[in-house]
Amino acid sequence: MSMTKLAGAKPSTAKVAGEESRTVASANWTFMTNHTHVLLSLYRQPDQRLRDVAVAVGITERMVQRVVAELVEANYLMITKQGRCNRYTVNANLQLRHPLEKHHKIGELLDLLSLDPGDDQA
């Protein structure tokens, strides 16, 4: 059986119930989108340069600019000029966009992702 290999993916062997071992393409993926990563980065450091956001997120600066423009257009992010620098402010009161998470606000997600691993809230 031949499977299409994803770009940059490394094949691995997986057992599927009731089937023999087969090669499966395991892509590098994460649970959060680039939009979440960019927003989280700017939430943590509001005066960060987009070049630094790009390095932290692992995407191009041009892609960060595009994501920021989309977040600004959707009112999740505001930009204020401070001299020659930009300062980014997240509108934490907006709801998440997907119907499954609509009952949560973006600020809740960003606060959760910004918790220090040493902080125990239990």
C-alpha atoms as a PDB file:
ATOM      1  CA  MET A   1       0.000   0.000   0.000  1.00  0.00           C
ATOM      2  CA  SER A   2       1.455   3.401  -0.913  1.00  0.00           C
ATOM      3  CA  MET A   3       0.672   6.601   0.926  1.00  0.00           C
ATOM      4  CA  THR A   4       1.368  10.146  -0.150  1.00  0.00           C
ATOM      5  CA  LYS A   5       4.235  11.615   1.845  1.00  0.00           C
ATOM      6  CA  LEU A   6       3.639  15.078   3.298  1.00  0.00           C
ATOM      7  CA  ALA A   7       6.317  17.677   2.634  1.00  0.00           C
ATOM      8  CA  GLY A   8       8.895  17.536   5.387  1.00  0.00           C
ATOM      9  CA  ALA A   9       7.143  14.677   7.177  1.00  0.00           C
ATOM     10  CA  LYS A  10       9.095  11.675   8.411  1.00  0.00           C
ATOM     11  CA  PRO A  11       7.502   8.288   7.968  1.00  0.00           C
ATOM     12  CA  SER A  12       6.733   6.234  11.076  1.00  0.00           C
ATOM     13  CA  THR A  13       5.274   2.818  11.639  1.00  0.00           C
ATOM     14  CA  ALA A  14       1.823   2.684  13.187  1.00  0.00           C
ATOM     15  CA  LYS A  15      -0.442  -0.194  14.122  1.00  0.00           C
ATOM     16  CA  VAL A  16      -4.094   0.227  13.364  1.00  0.00           C
ATOM     17  CA  ALA A  17      -6.520  -2.135  15.116  1.00  0.00           C
ATOM     18  CA  GLY A  18      -7.131  -5.150  12.905  1.00  0.00           C
ATOM     19  CA  GLU A  19      -4.505  -4.124  10.319  1.00  0.00           C
ATOM     20  CA  GLU A  20      -0.846  -4.885   9.780  1.00  0.00           C
ATOM     21  CA  SER A  21       1.835  -2.275  10.428  1.00  0.00           C
ATOM     22  CA  ARG A  22       1.973   0.437   7.819  1.00  0.00           C
ATOM     23  CA  THR A  23       3.967   3.573   7.174  1.00  0.00           C
ATOM     24  CA  VAL A  24       2.196   6.761   8.193  1.00  0.00           C
ATOM     25  CA  ALA A  25       3.352  10.297   7.495  1.00  0.00           C
ATOM     26  CA  SER A  26       3.608  12.157  10.795  1.00  0.00           C
ATOM     27  CA  ALA A  27       3.683  15.880  10.121  1.00  0.00           C
ATOM     28  CA  ASN A  28       4.941  18.480  12.553  1.00  0.00           C
ATOM     29  CA  TRP A  29       1.828  20.192  13.850  1.00  0.00           C
ATOM     30  CA  THR A  30       0.626  22.014  16.945  1.00  0.00           C
ATOM     31  CA  PHE A  31      -2.745  22.563  18.592  1.00  0.00           C
ATOM     32  CA  MET A  32      -2.599  26.347  18.324  1.00  0.00           C
ATOM     33  CA  THR A  33      -2.729  28.338  15.096  1.00  0.00           C
ATOM     34  CA  ASN A  34      -0.247  30.996  13.976  1.00  0.00           C
ATOM     35  CA  HIS A  35      -2.903  33.569  14.906  1.00  0.00           C
ATOM     36  CA  THR A  36      -2.916  32.274  18.487  1.00  0.00           C
ATOM     37  CA  HIS A  37       0.869  32.206  18.661  1.00  0.00           C
ATOM     38  CA  VAL A  38       1.221  35.767  17.326  1.00  0.00           C
ATOM     39  CA  LEU A  39      -1.510  37.090  19.615  1.00  0.00           C
ATOM     40  CA  LEU A  40      -0.027  35.314  22.642  1.00  0.00           C
ATOM     41  CA  SER A  41       3.435  36.655  21.878  1.00  0.00           C
ATOM     42  CA  LEU A  42       2.146  40.236  21.629  1.00  0.00           C
ATOM     43  CA  TYR A  43      -0.046  39.750  24.719  1.00  0.00           C
ATOM     44  CA  ARG A  44       3.031  38.756  26.725  1.00  0.00           C
ATOM     45  CA  GLN A  45       5.247  41.511  25.273  1.00  0.00           C
ATOM     46  CA  PRO A  46       3.130  44.364  23.832  1.00  0.00           C
ATOM     47  CA  ASP A  47       6.113  46.378  22.571  1.00  0.00           C
ATOM     48  CA  GLN A  48       7.798  43.473  20.791  1.00  0.00           C
ATOM     49  CA  ARG A  49       9.058  43.928  17.231  1.00  0.00           C
ATOM     50  CA  LEU A  50       7.268  41.829  14.623  1.00  0.00           C
ATOM     51  CA  ARG A  51      10.654  40.454  13.562  1.00  0.00           C
ATOM     52  CA  ASP A  52      11.036  39.009  17.069  1.00  0.00           C
ATOM     53  CA  VAL A  53       7.492  37.632  16.993  1.00  0.00           C
ATOM     54  CA  ALA A  54       8.317  35.876  13.715  1.00  0.00           C
ATOM     55  CA  VAL A  55      11.375  34.212  15.253  1.00  0.00           C
ATOM     56  CA  ALA A  56       9.432  33.157  18.362  1.00  0.00           C
ATOM     57  CA  VAL A  57       6.510  31.742  16.364  1.00  0.00           C
ATOM     58  CA  GLY A  58       8.666  30.192  13.654  1.00  0.00           C
ATOM     59  CA  ILE A  59       7.109  31.928  10.650  1.00  0.00           C
ATOM     60  CA  THR A  60       8.223  34.725   8.338  1.00  0.00           C
ATOM     61  CA  GLU A  61       7.956  38.373   9.288  1.00  0.00           C
ATOM     62  CA  ARG A  62       5.682  38.881   6.286  1.00  0.00           C
ATOM     63  CA  MET A  63       3.320  36.194   7.603  1.00  0.00           C
ATOM     64  CA  VAL A  64       3.310  37.860  11.044  1.00  0.00           C
ATOM     65  CA  GLN A  65       2.389  41.169   9.373  1.00  0.00           C
ATOM     66  CA  ARG A  66      -0.505  39.445   7.606  1.00  0.00           C
ATOM     67  CA  VAL A  67      -1.733  37.794  10.815  1.00  0.00           C
ATOM     68  CA  VAL A  68      -1.477  41.106  12.710  1.00  0.00           C
ATOM     69  CA  ALA A  69      -3.478  42.867   9.966  1.00  0.00           C
ATOM     70  CA  GLU A  70      -6.194  40.204  10.218  1.00  0.00           C
ATOM     71  CA  LEU A  71      -6.276  40.452  14.019  1.00  0.00           C
ATOM     72  CA  VAL A  72      -6.516  44.253  13.814  1.00  0.00           C
ATOM     73  CA  GLU A  73      -9.306  44.027  11.225  1.00  0.00           C
ATOM     74  CA  ALA A  74     -11.241  41.658  13.508  1.00  0.00           C
ATOM     75  CA  ASN A  75     -10.677  44.022  16.501  1.00  0.00           C
ATOM     76  CA  TYR A  76      -8.710  41.445  18.516  1.00  0.00           C
ATOM     77  CA  LEU A  77      -5.609  43.647  18.379  1.00  0.00           C
ATOM     78  CA  MET A  78      -5.026  47.401  18.435  1.00  0.00           C
ATOM     79  CA  ILE A  79      -1.820  49.190  17.459  1.00  0.00           C
ATOM     80  CA  THR A  80      -0.686  52.483  18.973  1.00  0.00           C
ATOM     81  CA  LYS A  81       2.403  54.375  17.876  1.00  0.00           C
ATOM     82  CA  GLN A  82       4.909  55.276  20.578  1.00  0.00           C
ATOM     83  CA  GLY A  83       7.618  57.284  18.880  1.00  0.00           C
ATOM     84  CA  ARG A  84       9.080  55.029  16.218  1.00  0.00           C
ATOM     85  CA  CYS A  85       7.773  51.881  17.885  1.00  0.00           C
ATOM     86  CA  ASN A  86       4.415  50.143  17.940  1.00  0.00           C
ATOM     87  CA  ARG A  87       2.615  48.951  21.040  1.00  0.00           C
ATOM     88  CA  TYR A  88       0.050  46.176  20.662  1.00  0.00           C
ATOM     89  CA  THR A  89      -3.031  45.862  22.857  1.00  0.00           C
ATOM     90  CA  VAL A  90      -5.207  42.761  22.851  1.00  0.00           C
ATOM     91  CA  ASN A  91      -8.970  43.200  23.180  1.00  0.00           C
ATOM     92  CA  ALA A  92      -9.298  40.428  25.760  1.00  0.00           C
ATOM     93  CA  ASN A  93     -13.101  40.744  25.974  1.00  0.00           C
ATOM     94  CA  LEU A  94     -13.857  39.409  22.500  1.00  0.00           C
ATOM     95  CA  GLN A  95     -15.245  35.908  22.163  1.00  0.00           C
ATOM     96  CA  LEU A  96     -13.338  33.105  20.511  1.00  0.00           C
ATOM     97  CA  ARG A  97     -14.503  32.643  16.931  1.00  0.00           C
ATOM     98  CA  HIS A  98     -15.280  28.930  16.641  1.00  0.00           C
ATOM     99  CA  PRO A  99     -18.791  27.816  17.707  1.00  0.00           C
ATOM    100  CA  LEU A 100     -17.333  25.219  20.102  1.00  0.00           C
ATOM    101  CA  GLU A 101     -15.466  27.919  22.052  1.00  0.00           C
ATOM    102  CA  LYS A 102     -17.738  30.927  21.525  1.00  0.00           C
ATOM    103  CA  HIS A 103     -18.711  30.987  25.195  1.00  0.00           C
ATOM    104  CA  HIS A 104     -15.088  31.845  26.106  1.00  0.00           C
ATOM    105  CA  LYS A 105     -13.210  35.111  25.669  1.00  0.00           C
ATOM    106  CA  ILE A 106      -9.802  35.395  24.041  1.00  0.00           C
ATOM    107  CA  GLY A 107      -8.428  36.836  27.292  1.00  0.00           C
ATOM    108  CA  GLU A 108      -9.268  33.595  29.113  1.00  0.00           C
ATOM    109  CA  LEU A 109      -7.212  31.590  26.636  1.00  0.00           C
ATOM    110  CA  LEU A 110      -4.285  34.030  26.688  1.00  0.00           C
ATOM    111  CA  ASP A 111      -4.280  34.133  30.500  1.00  0.00           C
ATOM    112  CA  LEU A 112      -4.267  30.344  30.655  1.00  0.00           C
ATOM    113  CA  LEU A 113      -1.419  30.063  28.156  1.00  0.00           C
ATOM    114  CA  SER A 114       0.547  32.751  30.004  1.00  0.00           C
ATOM    115  CA  LEU A 115       0.497  30.990  33.369  1.00  0.00           C
ATOM    116  CA  ASP A 116       3.908  30.259  34.823  1.00  0.00           C
ATOM    117  CA  PRO A 117       4.359  26.468  35.064  1.00  0.00           C
ATOM    118  CA  GLY A 118       5.349  26.970  38.722  1.00  0.00           C
ATOM    119  CA  ASP A 119       1.991  28.565  39.548  1.00  0.00           C
ATOM    120  CA  ASP A 120      -0.386  26.033  41.064  1.00  0.00           C
ATOM    121  CA  GLN A 121      -3.987  27.120  40.990  1.00  0.00           C
ATOM    122  CA  ALA A 122      -5.378  23.851  42.335  1.00  0.00           C
END
